[in-house]
């Protein structure tokens, strides 16, 4: 019984560790204009946790 409980704890810890490491890997740095030509395109492609970095310069936007 004790061995079974220990195995269950180890399996649960491994599942938690793998899940946390997967979440950490999904974050990425998106750079403008290297990855996307516009800041808006970078924002549209970003997912929660991503960071967007824009190179120095002037960026013209679409004006309605």
C-alpha atoms as a PDB file:
ATOM      1  CA  UNK A   1       0.000   0.000   0.000  1.00  0.00           C
ATOM      2  CA  UNK A   2       2.795   2.383   0.908  1.00  0.00           C
ATOM      3  CA  UNK A   3       4.709   1.619  -2.278  1.00  0.00           C
ATOM      4  CA  UNK A   4       1.609   2.246  -4.360  1.00  0.00           C
ATOM      5  CA  UNK A   5       1.068   5.639  -2.711  1.00  0.00           C
ATOM      6  CA  UNK A   6       4.705   6.587  -3.297  1.00  0.00           C
ATOM      7  CA  UNK A   7       4.441   5.625  -6.982  1.00  0.00           C
ATOM      8  CA  UNK A   8       1.299   7.719  -7.335  1.00  0.00           C
ATOM      9  CA  UNK A   9       3.037  10.722  -5.777  1.00  0.00           C
ATOM     10  CA  UNK A  10       6.020  10.355  -8.108  1.00  0.00           C
ATOM     11  CA  UNK A  11       3.772  10.109 -11.164  1.00  0.00           C
ATOM     12  CA  UNK A  12       1.800  13.191 -10.112  1.00  0.00           C
ATOM     13  CA  UNK A  13       4.993  15.183  -9.554  1.00  0.00           C
ATOM     14  CA  UNK A  14       6.275  14.181 -13.001  1.00  0.00           C
ATOM     15  CA  UNK A  15       3.002  15.236 -14.619  1.00  0.00           C
ATOM     16  CA  UNK A  16       3.149  18.611 -12.874  1.00  0.00           C
ATOM     17  CA  UNK A  17       6.823  19.113 -13.804  1.00  0.00           C
ATOM     18  CA  UNK A  18       6.259  18.251 -17.468  1.00  0.00           C
ATOM     19  CA  UNK A  19       3.209  20.496 -17.614  1.00  0.00           C
ATOM     20  CA  UNK A  20       5.063  23.458 -16.120  1.00  0.00           C
ATOM     21  CA  UNK A  21       8.067  23.025 -18.385  1.00  0.00           C
ATOM     22  CA  UNK A  22       5.805  22.893 -21.445  1.00  0.00           C
ATOM     23  CA  UNK A  23       4.107  26.151 -20.459  1.00  0.00           C
ATOM     24  CA  UNK A  24       7.474  27.837 -19.960  1.00  0.00           C
ATOM     25  CA  UNK A  25       8.634  26.801 -23.432  1.00  0.00           C
ATOM     26  CA  UNK A  26       5.646  28.297 -25.205  1.00  0.00           C
ATOM     27  CA  UNK A  27       6.640  31.884 -24.429  1.00  0.00           C
ATOM     28  CA  UNK A  28       8.575  33.567 -27.184  1.00  0.00           C
ATOM     29  CA  UNK A  29      10.036  36.906 -28.167  1.00  0.00           C
ATOM     30  CA  UNK A  30       8.572  38.391 -31.325  1.00  0.00           C
ATOM     31  CA  UNK A  31      10.636  41.101 -32.969  1.00  0.00           C
ATOM     32  CA  UNK A  32       9.496  43.821 -35.346  1.00  0.00           C
ATOM     33  CA  UNK A  33      10.447  44.123 -38.192  1.00  0.00           C
ATOM     34  CA  UNK A  34      12.459  40.858 -38.229  1.00  0.00           C
ATOM     35  CA  UNK A  35       9.552  38.488 -37.501  1.00  0.00           C
ATOM     36  CA  UNK A  36       6.647  40.706 -38.593  1.00  0.00           C
ATOM     37  CA  UNK A  37       6.687  43.892 -40.633  1.00  0.00           C
ATOM     38  CA  UNK A  38       4.172  45.713 -38.422  1.00  0.00           C
ATOM     39  CA  UNK A  39       3.590  45.966 -34.690  1.00  0.00           C
ATOM     40  CA  UNK A  40      -0.068  45.091 -35.217  1.00  0.00           C
ATOM     41  CA  UNK A  41       0.851  41.885 -37.050  1.00  0.00           C
ATOM     42  CA  UNK A  42       3.119  40.938 -34.130  1.00  0.00           C
ATOM     43  CA  UNK A  43       0.319  41.653 -31.644  1.00  0.00           C
ATOM     44  CA  UNK A  44      -2.115  39.567 -33.683  1.00  0.00           C
ATOM     45  CA  UNK A  45       0.319  36.625 -33.752  1.00  0.00           C
ATOM     46  CA  UNK A  46       1.278  36.811 -30.075  1.00  0.00           C
ATOM     47  CA  UNK A  47      -0.083  34.467 -27.444  1.00  0.00           C
ATOM     48  CA  UNK A  48      -0.323  35.122 -23.696  1.00  0.00           C
ATOM     49  CA  UNK A  49       3.152  35.330 -22.192  1.00  0.00           C
ATOM     50  CA  UNK A  50       4.901  36.341 -25.419  1.00  0.00           C
ATOM     51  CA  UNK A  51       6.992  39.499 -25.525  1.00  0.00           C
ATOM     52  CA  UNK A  52       7.053  41.864 -28.490  1.00  0.00           C
ATOM     53  CA  UNK A  53      10.167  43.931 -29.120  1.00  0.00           C
ATOM     54  CA  UNK A  54      10.226  46.669 -31.736  1.00  0.00           C
ATOM     55  CA  UNK A  55      13.496  47.893 -33.203  1.00  0.00           C
ATOM     56  CA  UNK A  56      14.135  51.639 -32.920  1.00  0.00           C
ATOM     57  CA  UNK A  57      12.501  53.660 -35.646  1.00  0.00           C
ATOM     58  CA  UNK A  58       9.261  55.177 -36.813  1.00  0.00           C
ATOM     59  CA  UNK A  59       6.390  52.859 -37.582  1.00  0.00           C
ATOM     60  CA  UNK A  60       3.550  54.101 -39.739  1.00  0.00           C
ATOM     61  CA  UNK A  61       0.151  52.632 -39.025  1.00  0.00           C
ATOM     62  CA  UNK A  62      -2.934  52.266 -41.157  1.00  0.00           C
ATOM     63  CA  UNK A  63      -5.127  55.310 -40.722  1.00  0.00           C
ATOM     64  CA  UNK A  64      -8.841  54.979 -41.440  1.00  0.00           C
END
